[in-house]
Amino acid sequence: MDDYRIGFFIDGFTLKRVNEYYRYYHPYRSRIDFKGLKGWVRAEAVHVFRPRGNVSMEAHYYHPYKDPKARGWHTSGILRFEQQIAEAGMQVHYSENYLDNQLNPNMALVDDAVVFSCYHKINAIVLLSTQGQYAILPQRVSRYKIPVLLLGWDFSYLKNNELVNWKTDNALKDRASYYVAMEKVVENLTEEDPLRFRIFQRERALVKSYFRGRAADKVTEWNVS
């Protein structure tokens, strides 16, 4: 029986914003763990696509900016980030369209996903993004009968006394074969679910503390007001 190959494509622009939200504005005060996220995604993809045979998954992370080393940047933060990506088994793709210090979605993601689909290198796609620029992807790969599972986020938070609303683009959401509201997945984390619990990084103790406090206070949800 043939292998079932899943391509996991990560919009680094979206994940950067999601990381900032959970690290600085959400009660978890935690960053996303790349290895843990990849493990959760594989399990979710198997649940959604229900493949037959052996399942393999490769992950590609698309930076919203150019390779910092090519620009002479060699900071410890950059090296640490690249190490985390490598340890999670993800390939890094830096942007070639980074202009004037503006962070934007890396559109090479679409081209690569289409090439993978065209040459039958993958059987399904998992896309992590909220950005409308990627709404063209599901349609382009549909000609090769490649389904797309979209992982998106909707959340709100206060920043400098202003309410920030972050939403998944409706066109992207509508065109995907399947959609997972990741903010709901995260809010439904439990200590009894180790696979989901590994989505977050070193601040797990704070996440556990948040759950214990929420149970003690009988608080069922967190809202920005």
C-alpha atoms as a PDB file:
ATOM      1  CA  MET A   1       0.000   0.000   0.000  1.00  0.00           C
ATOM      2  CA  ASP A   2       1.343   3.432  -0.972  1.00  0.00           C
ATOM      3  CA  ASP A   3       2.413   5.997   1.590  1.00  0.00           C
ATOM      4  CA  TYR A   4       0.099   8.903   2.298  1.00  0.00           C
ATOM      5  CA  ARG A   5       2.169  12.091   2.194  1.00  0.00           C
ATOM      6  CA  ILE A   6       1.065  15.236   3.986  1.00  0.00           C
ATOM      7  CA  GLY A   7       2.607  18.634   3.292  1.00  0.00           C
ATOM      8  CA  PHE A   8       2.470  21.038   6.244  1.00  0.00           C
ATOM      9  CA  PHE A   9       2.942  24.639   5.066  1.00  0.00           C
ATOM     10  CA  ILE A  10       3.348  27.349   7.713  1.00  0.00           C
ATOM     11  CA  ASP A  11       2.782  31.027   7.049  1.00  0.00           C
ATOM     12  CA  GLY A  12       5.460  32.570   9.278  1.00  0.00           C
ATOM     13  CA  PHE A  13       3.701  35.949   9.218  1.00  0.00           C
ATOM     14  CA  THR A  14       0.637  34.419  10.889  1.00  0.00           C
ATOM     15  CA  LEU A  15       2.606  32.303  13.347  1.00  0.00           C
ATOM     16  CA  LYS A  16       4.631  35.350  14.388  1.00  0.00           C
ATOM     17  CA  ARG A  17       1.413  37.178  15.322  1.00  0.00           C
ATOM     18  CA  VAL A  18      -0.034  34.125  17.049  1.00  0.00           C
ATOM     19  CA  ASN A  19       3.164  33.692  19.061  1.00  0.00           C
ATOM     20  CA  GLU A  20       3.070  37.332  20.149  1.00  0.00           C
ATOM     21  CA  TYR A  21      -0.541  36.990  21.238  1.00  0.00           C
ATOM     22  CA  TYR A  22       0.001  33.918  23.415  1.00  0.00           C
ATOM     23  CA  ARG A  23       3.315  35.134  24.774  1.00  0.00           C
ATOM     24  CA  TYR A  24       2.339  38.671  25.756  1.00  0.00           C
ATOM     25  CA  TYR A  25      -1.457  39.046  25.836  1.00  0.00           C
ATOM     26  CA  HIS A  26      -3.058  35.682  26.630  1.00  0.00           C
ATOM     27  CA  PRO A  27      -3.092  34.363  30.228  1.00  0.00           C
ATOM     28  CA  TYR A  28      -0.929  31.388  29.130  1.00  0.00           C
ATOM     29  CA  ARG A  29       2.077  33.704  28.635  1.00  0.00           C
ATOM     30  CA  SER A  30       3.566  30.996  26.450  1.00  0.00           C
ATOM     31  CA  ARG A  31       5.071  30.539  22.993  1.00  0.00           C
ATOM     32  CA  ILE A  32       4.184  27.888  20.439  1.00  0.00           C
ATOM     33  CA  ASP A  33       6.451  24.840  20.490  1.00  0.00           C
ATOM     34  CA  PHE A  34       7.284  23.913  16.886  1.00  0.00           C
ATOM     35  CA  LYS A  35       7.887  20.248  17.561  1.00  0.00           C
ATOM     36  CA  GLY A  36       4.752  19.937  19.642  1.00  0.00           C
ATOM     37  CA  LEU A  37       2.698  21.770  17.025  1.00  0.00           C
ATOM     38  CA  LYS A  38       3.998  19.488  14.284  1.00  0.00           C
ATOM     39  CA  GLY A  39       3.028  16.415  16.300  1.00  0.00           C
ATOM     40  CA  TRP A  40      -0.458  17.761  16.922  1.00  0.00           C
ATOM     41  CA  VAL A  41      -0.891  18.650  13.242  1.00  0.00           C
ATOM     42  CA  ARG A  42       0.065  15.165  12.099  1.00  0.00           C
ATOM     43  CA  ALA A  43      -2.474  13.610  14.465  1.00  0.00           C
ATOM     44  CA  GLU A  44      -5.175  16.055  13.376  1.00  0.00           C
ATOM     45  CA  ALA A  45      -4.431  15.489   9.686  1.00  0.00           C
ATOM     46  CA  VAL A  46      -4.758  11.730  10.119  1.00  0.00           C
ATOM     47  CA  HIS A  47      -8.076  12.277  11.910  1.00  0.00           C
ATOM     48  CA  VAL A  48      -9.396  14.560   9.152  1.00  0.00           C
ATOM     49  CA  PHE A  49      -8.062  12.869   6.005  1.00  0.00           C
ATOM     50  CA  ARG A  50      -8.348   9.262   7.284  1.00  0.00           C
ATOM     51  CA  PRO A  51      -5.546   7.987   5.034  1.00  0.00           C
ATOM     52  CA  ARG A  52      -4.759   4.371   4.276  1.00  0.00           C
ATOM     53  CA  GLY A  53      -1.261   2.983   4.476  1.00  0.00           C
ATOM     54  CA  ASN A  54       1.773   4.586   6.060  1.00  0.00           C
ATOM     55  CA  VAL A  55       1.584   8.302   6.784  1.00  0.00           C
ATOM     56  CA  SER A  56       4.508  10.679   6.358  1.00  0.00           C
ATOM     57  CA  MET A  57       4.557  14.440   6.825  1.00  0.00           C
ATOM     58  CA  GLU A  58       7.059  17.107   5.914  1.00  0.00           C
ATOM     59  CA  ALA A  59       6.848  20.646   7.231  1.00  0.00           C
ATOM     60  CA  HIS A  60       7.884  23.904   5.577  1.00  0.00           C
ATOM     61  CA  TYR A  61       8.141  27.228   7.392  1.00  0.00           C
ATOM     62  CA  TYR A  62       7.894  30.379   5.244  1.00  0.00           C
ATOM     63  CA  HIS A  63       9.554  33.389   6.840  1.00  0.00           C
ATOM     64  CA  PRO A  64       8.016  36.823   6.224  1.00  0.00           C
ATOM     65  CA  TYR A  65      11.492  38.330   5.737  1.00  0.00           C
ATOM     66  CA  LYS A  66      14.780  37.646   3.974  1.00  0.00           C
ATOM     67  CA  ASP A  67      17.529  35.385   5.254  1.00  0.00           C
ATOM     68  CA  PRO A  68      19.144  37.455   8.030  1.00  0.00           C
ATOM     69  CA  LYS A  69      22.536  35.795   7.507  1.00  0.00           C
ATOM     70  CA  ALA A  70      22.602  37.061   3.926  1.00  0.00           C
ATOM     71  CA  ARG A  71      22.189  40.553   5.339  1.00  0.00           C
ATOM     72  CA  GLY A  72      24.997  40.093   7.832  1.00  0.00           C
ATOM     73  CA  TRP A  73      22.780  39.467  10.862  1.00  0.00           C
ATOM     74  CA  HIS A  74      24.071  36.763  13.200  1.00  0.00           C
ATOM     75  CA  THR A  75      22.275  37.276  16.516  1.00  0.00           C
ATOM     76  CA  SER A  76      21.774  34.624  19.162  1.00  0.00           C
ATOM     77  CA  GLY A  77      18.015  34.988  18.745  1.00  0.00           C
ATOM     78  CA  ILE A  78      18.200  34.153  15.044  1.00  0.00           C
ATOM     79  CA  LEU A  79      20.439  31.149  15.642  1.00  0.00           C
ATOM     80  CA  ARG A  80      18.213  29.894  18.453  1.00  0.00           C
ATOM     81  CA  PHE A  81      15.110  30.239  16.288  1.00  0.00           C
ATOM     82  CA  GLU A  82      16.688  28.359  13.393  1.00  0.00           C
ATOM     83  CA  GLN A  83      17.788  25.639  15.782  1.00  0.00           C
ATOM     84  CA  GLN A  84      14.239  25.233  17.082  1.00  0.00           C
ATOM     85  CA  ILE A  85      12.914  24.999  13.539  1.00  0.00           C
ATOM     86  CA  ALA A  86      15.554  22.421  12.586  1.00  0.00           C
ATOM     87  CA  GLU A  87      14.951  20.339  15.718  1.00  0.00           C
ATOM     88  CA  ALA A  88      11.260  20.228  14.831  1.00  0.00           C
ATOM     89  CA  GLY A  89      12.142  18.815  11.414  1.00  0.00           C
ATOM     90  CA  MET A  90      10.944  21.861   9.464  1.00  0.00           C
ATOM     91  CA  GLN A  91      12.537  23.368   6.384  1.00  0.00           C
ATOM     92  CA  VAL A  92      12.994  27.138   6.417  1.00  0.00           C
ATOM     93  CA  HIS A  93      12.156  29.270   3.382  1.00  0.00           C
ATOM     94  CA  TYR A  94      13.076  32.946   3.601  1.00  0.00           C
ATOM     95  CA  SER A  95      11.190  35.584   1.636  1.00  0.00           C
ATOM     96  CA  GLU A  96      12.556  37.029  -1.605  1.00  0.00           C
ATOM     97  CA  ASN A  97      10.029  39.885  -1.622  1.00  0.00           C
ATOM     98  CA  TYR A  98      10.925  41.606   1.640  1.00  0.00           C
ATOM     99  CA  LEU A  99      10.924  45.365   1.071  1.00  0.00           C
ATOM    100  CA  ASP A 100      11.286  48.403   3.319  1.00  0.00           C
ATOM    101  CA  ASN A 101      11.197  46.409   6.554  1.00  0.00           C
ATOM    102  CA  GLN A 102       7.577  45.418   5.905  1.00  0.00           C
ATOM    103  CA  LEU A 103       6.543  41.966   7.076  1.00  0.00           C
ATOM    104  CA  ASN A 104       4.205  40.257   4.625  1.00  0.00           C
ATOM    105  CA  PRO A 105       3.171  36.678   3.860  1.00  0.00           C
ATOM    106  CA  ASN A 106       5.845  34.796   1.917  1.00  0.00           C
ATOM    107  CA  MET A 107       4.086  33.926  -1.339  1.00  0.00           C
ATOM    108  CA  ALA A 108       6.671  31.309  -2.273  1.00  0.00           C
ATOM    109  CA  LEU A 109       4.515  29.049  -0.125  1.00  0.00           C
ATOM    110  CA  VAL A 110       1.829  28.951  -2.822  1.00  0.00           C
ATOM    111  CA  ASP A 111       4.272  28.186  -5.628  1.00  0.00           C
ATOM    112  CA  ASP A 112       5.932  25.391  -3.659  1.00  0.00           C
ATOM    113  CA  ALA A 113       2.622  23.829  -2.624  1.00  0.00           C
ATOM    114  CA  VAL A 114       1.441  23.806  -6.250  1.00  0.00           C
ATOM    115  CA  VAL A 115       4.699  22.195  -7.435  1.00  0.00           C
ATOM    116  CA  PHE A 116       4.456  19.526  -4.732  1.00  0.00           C
ATOM    117  CA  SER A 117       0.868  18.836  -5.809  1.00  0.00           C
ATOM    118  CA  CYS A 118       1.582  18.869  -9.541  1.00  0.00           C
ATOM    119  CA  TYR A 119       4.355  16.303  -9.237  1.00  0.00           C
ATOM    120  CA  HIS A 120       2.351  14.138  -6.822  1.00  0.00           C
ATOM    121  CA  LYS A 121       4.810  14.607  -3.975  1.00  0.00           C
ATOM    122  CA  ILE A 122       1.945  15.038  -1.511  1.00  0.00           C
ATOM    123  CA  ASN A 123      -1.584  13.707  -1.106  1.00  0.00           C
ATOM    124  CA  ALA A 124      -2.914  16.446   1.172  1.00  0.00           C
ATOM    125  CA  ILE A 125      -2.003  19.888   2.487  1.00  0.00           C
ATOM    126  CA  VAL A 126      -2.221  21.387   5.946  1.00  0.00           C
ATOM    127  CA  LEU A 127      -1.957  25.180   5.773  1.00  0.00           C
ATOM    128  CA  LEU A 128      -1.412  27.292   8.875  1.00  0.00           C
ATOM    129  CA  SER A 129      -2.444  30.827   8.005  1.00  0.00           C
ATOM    130  CA  THR A 130      -5.022  33.564   8.478  1.00  0.00           C
ATOM    131  CA  GLN A 131      -4.046  35.631   5.435  1.00  0.00           C
ATOM    132  CA  GLY A 132      -6.229  36.277   2.396  1.00  0.00           C
ATOM    133  CA  GLN A 133      -3.196  36.254   0.102  1.00  0.00           C
ATOM    134  CA  TYR A 134      -3.272  32.459   0.366  1.00  0.00           C
ATOM    135  CA  ALA A 135      -6.925  32.130  -0.676  1.00  0.00           C
ATOM    136  CA  ILE A 136      -5.700  31.204  -4.173  1.00  0.00           C
ATOM    137  CA  LEU A 137      -3.982  28.062  -2.868  1.00  0.00           C
ATOM    138  CA  PRO A 138      -6.947  25.690  -2.346  1.00  0.00           C
ATOM    139  CA  GLN A 139      -8.264  26.413  -5.831  1.00  0.00           C
ATOM    140  CA  ARG A 140      -4.891  25.916  -7.503  1.00  0.00           C
ATOM    141  CA  VAL A 141      -4.212  22.541  -5.897  1.00  0.00           C
ATOM    142  CA  SER A 142      -7.803  21.318  -6.342  1.00  0.00           C
ATOM    143  CA  ARG A 143      -7.032  20.547 -10.013  1.00  0.00           C
ATOM    144  CA  TYR A 144      -4.699  17.861  -8.670  1.00  0.00           C
ATOM    145  CA  LYS A 145      -7.358  16.633  -6.231  1.00  0.00           C
ATOM    146  CA  ILE A 146      -5.341  17.754  -3.211  1.00  0.00           C
ATOM    147  CA  PRO A 147      -7.496  18.622  -0.166  1.00  0.00           C
ATOM    148  CA  VAL A 148      -6.486  21.512   2.102  1.00  0.00           C
ATOM    149  CA  LEU A 149      -6.909  21.519   5.868  1.00  0.00           C
ATOM    150  CA  LEU A 150      -6.694  25.118   7.088  1.00  0.00           C
ATOM    151  CA  LEU A 151      -5.561  25.985  10.621  1.00  0.00           C
ATOM    152  CA  GLY A 152      -6.664  29.533  11.440  1.00  0.00           C
ATOM    153  CA  TRP A 153      -7.069  31.819  14.441  1.00  0.00           C
ATOM    154  CA  ASP A 154      -9.617  34.402  15.543  1.00  0.00           C
ATOM    155  CA  PHE A 155      -8.760  36.377  18.673  1.00  0.00           C
ATOM    156  CA  SER A 156      -8.873  39.814  20.261  1.00  0.00           C
ATOM    157  CA  TYR A 157      -6.589  41.541  22.740  1.00  0.00           C
ATOM    158  CA  LEU A 158      -5.729  44.935  24.141  1.00  0.00           C
ATOM    159  CA  LYS A 159      -2.520  46.567  22.941  1.00  0.00           C
ATOM    160  CA  ASN A 160      -1.610  50.067  24.115  1.00  0.00           C
ATOM    161  CA  ASN A 161      -5.218  50.503  25.258  1.00  0.00           C
ATOM    162  CA  GLU A 162      -6.540  49.660  21.803  1.00  0.00           C
ATOM    163  CA  LEU A 163      -8.524  46.559  20.891  1.00  0.00           C
ATOM    164  CA  VAL A 164      -6.821  44.420  18.256  1.00  0.00           C
ATOM    165  CA  ASN A 165      -8.976  41.941  16.338  1.00  0.00           C
ATOM    166  CA  TRP A 166      -7.182  39.165  14.466  1.00  0.00           C
ATOM    167  CA  LYS A 167      -9.376  37.129  12.119  1.00  0.00           C
ATOM    168  CA  THR A 168      -8.902  34.397   9.543  1.00  0.00           C
ATOM    169  CA  ASP A 169      -9.735  35.673   6.067  1.00  0.00           C
ATOM    170  CA  ASN A 170     -13.223  34.530   5.044  1.00  0.00           C
ATOM    171  CA  ALA A 171     -12.288  33.698   1.449  1.00  0.00           C
ATOM    172  CA  LEU A 172      -9.402  31.527   2.616  1.00  0.00           C
ATOM    173  CA  LYS A 173     -11.654  29.819   5.123  1.00  0.00           C
ATOM    174  CA  ASP A 174     -14.441  29.204   2.597  1.00  0.00           C
ATOM    175  CA  ARG A 175     -12.150  27.750  -0.073  1.00  0.00           C
ATOM    176  CA  ALA A 176     -10.335  25.298   2.196  1.00  0.00           C
ATOM    177  CA  SER A 177     -11.584  21.725   2.246  1.00  0.00           C
ATOM    178  CA  TYR A 178     -11.559  21.669   6.057  1.00  0.00           C
ATOM    179  CA  TYR A 179     -11.140  24.342   8.706  1.00  0.00           C
ATOM    180  CA  VAL A 180      -9.936  24.132  12.307  1.00  0.00           C
ATOM    181  CA  ALA A 181     -10.436  27.123  14.619  1.00  0.00           C
ATOM    182  CA  MET A 182      -7.164  26.882  16.517  1.00  0.00           C
ATOM    183  CA  GLU A 183      -8.148  29.375  19.200  1.00  0.00           C
ATOM    184  CA  LYS A 184     -10.862  26.898  20.255  1.00  0.00           C
ATOM    185  CA  VAL A 185      -8.387  24.004  20.222  1.00  0.00           C
ATOM    186  CA  VAL A 186      -6.056  25.969  22.471  1.00  0.00           C
ATOM    187  CA  GLU A 187      -8.808  27.010  24.880  1.00  0.00           C
ATOM    188  CA  ASN A 188      -9.898  23.379  25.198  1.00  0.00           C
ATOM    189  CA  LEU A 189      -6.456  22.124  26.203  1.00  0.00           C
ATOM    190  CA  THR A 190      -6.453  19.762  29.131  1.00  0.00           C
ATOM    191  CA  GLU A 191      -3.687  18.302  31.257  1.00  0.00           C
ATOM    192  CA  GLU A 192      -5.040  14.830  30.360  1.00  0.00           C
ATOM    193  CA  ASP A 193      -4.271  15.369  26.671  1.00  0.00           C
ATOM    194  CA  PRO A 194      -0.457  15.265  26.417  1.00  0.00           C
ATOM    195  CA  LEU A 195      -0.323  15.612  22.622  1.00  0.00           C
ATOM    196  CA  ARG A 196      -2.310  18.834  22.633  1.00  0.00           C
ATOM    197  CA  PHE A 197      -0.564  20.057  25.734  1.00  0.00           C
ATOM    198  CA  ARG A 198       2.816  19.998  23.993  1.00  0.00           C
ATOM    199  CA  ILE A 199       1.691  22.762  21.618  1.00  0.00           C
ATOM    200  CA  PHE A 200       3.162  25.255  24.079  1.00  0.00           C
ATOM    201  CA  GLN A 201       6.801  25.670  24.998  1.00  0.00           C
ATOM    202  CA  ARG A 202       8.742  26.221  28.194  1.00  0.00           C
ATOM    203  CA  GLU A 203       6.020  28.039  30.125  1.00  0.00           C
ATOM    204  CA  ARG A 204       3.918  24.882  30.530  1.00  0.00           C
ATOM    205  CA  ALA A 205       3.908  25.318  34.287  1.00  0.00           C
ATOM    206  CA  LEU A 206       2.114  28.641  33.837  1.00  0.00           C
ATOM    207  CA  VAL A 207      -0.413  27.017  31.519  1.00  0.00           C
ATOM    208  CA  LYS A 208      -1.056  24.333  34.123  1.00  0.00           C
ATOM    209  CA  SER A 209      -1.406  27.026  36.759  1.00  0.00           C
ATOM    210  CA  TYR A 210      -3.922  28.801  34.543  1.00  0.00           C
ATOM    211  CA  PHE A 211      -6.016  25.634  34.287  1.00  0.00           C
ATOM    212  CA  ARG A 212      -5.910  25.039  38.035  1.00  0.00           C
ATOM    213  CA  GLY A 213      -6.869  28.635  38.742  1.00  0.00           C
ATOM    214  CA  ARG A 214      -9.650  28.532  36.215  1.00  0.00           C
ATOM    215  CA  ALA A 215     -11.064  25.369  37.762  1.00  0.00           C
ATOM    216  CA  ALA A 216     -10.804  26.783  41.264  1.00  0.00           C
ATOM    217  CA  ASP A 217     -12.517  30.025  40.340  1.00  0.00           C
ATOM    218  CA  LYS A 218     -15.041  28.240  38.092  1.00  0.00           C
ATOM    219  CA  VAL A 219     -14.128  30.553  35.251  1.00  0.00           C
ATOM    220  CA  THR A 220     -15.158  28.985  31.967  1.00  0.00           C
ATOM    221  CA  GLU A 221     -13.724  31.402  29.459  1.00  0.00           C
ATOM    222  CA  TRP A 222     -11.401  34.390  29.114  1.00  0.00           C
ATOM    223  CA  ASN A 223     -12.548  37.580  27.391  1.00  0.00           C
ATOM    224  CA  VAL A 224     -10.848  40.840  26.537  1.00  0.00           C
ATOM    225  CA  SER A 225     -12.799  43.822  27.795  1.00  0.00           C
END
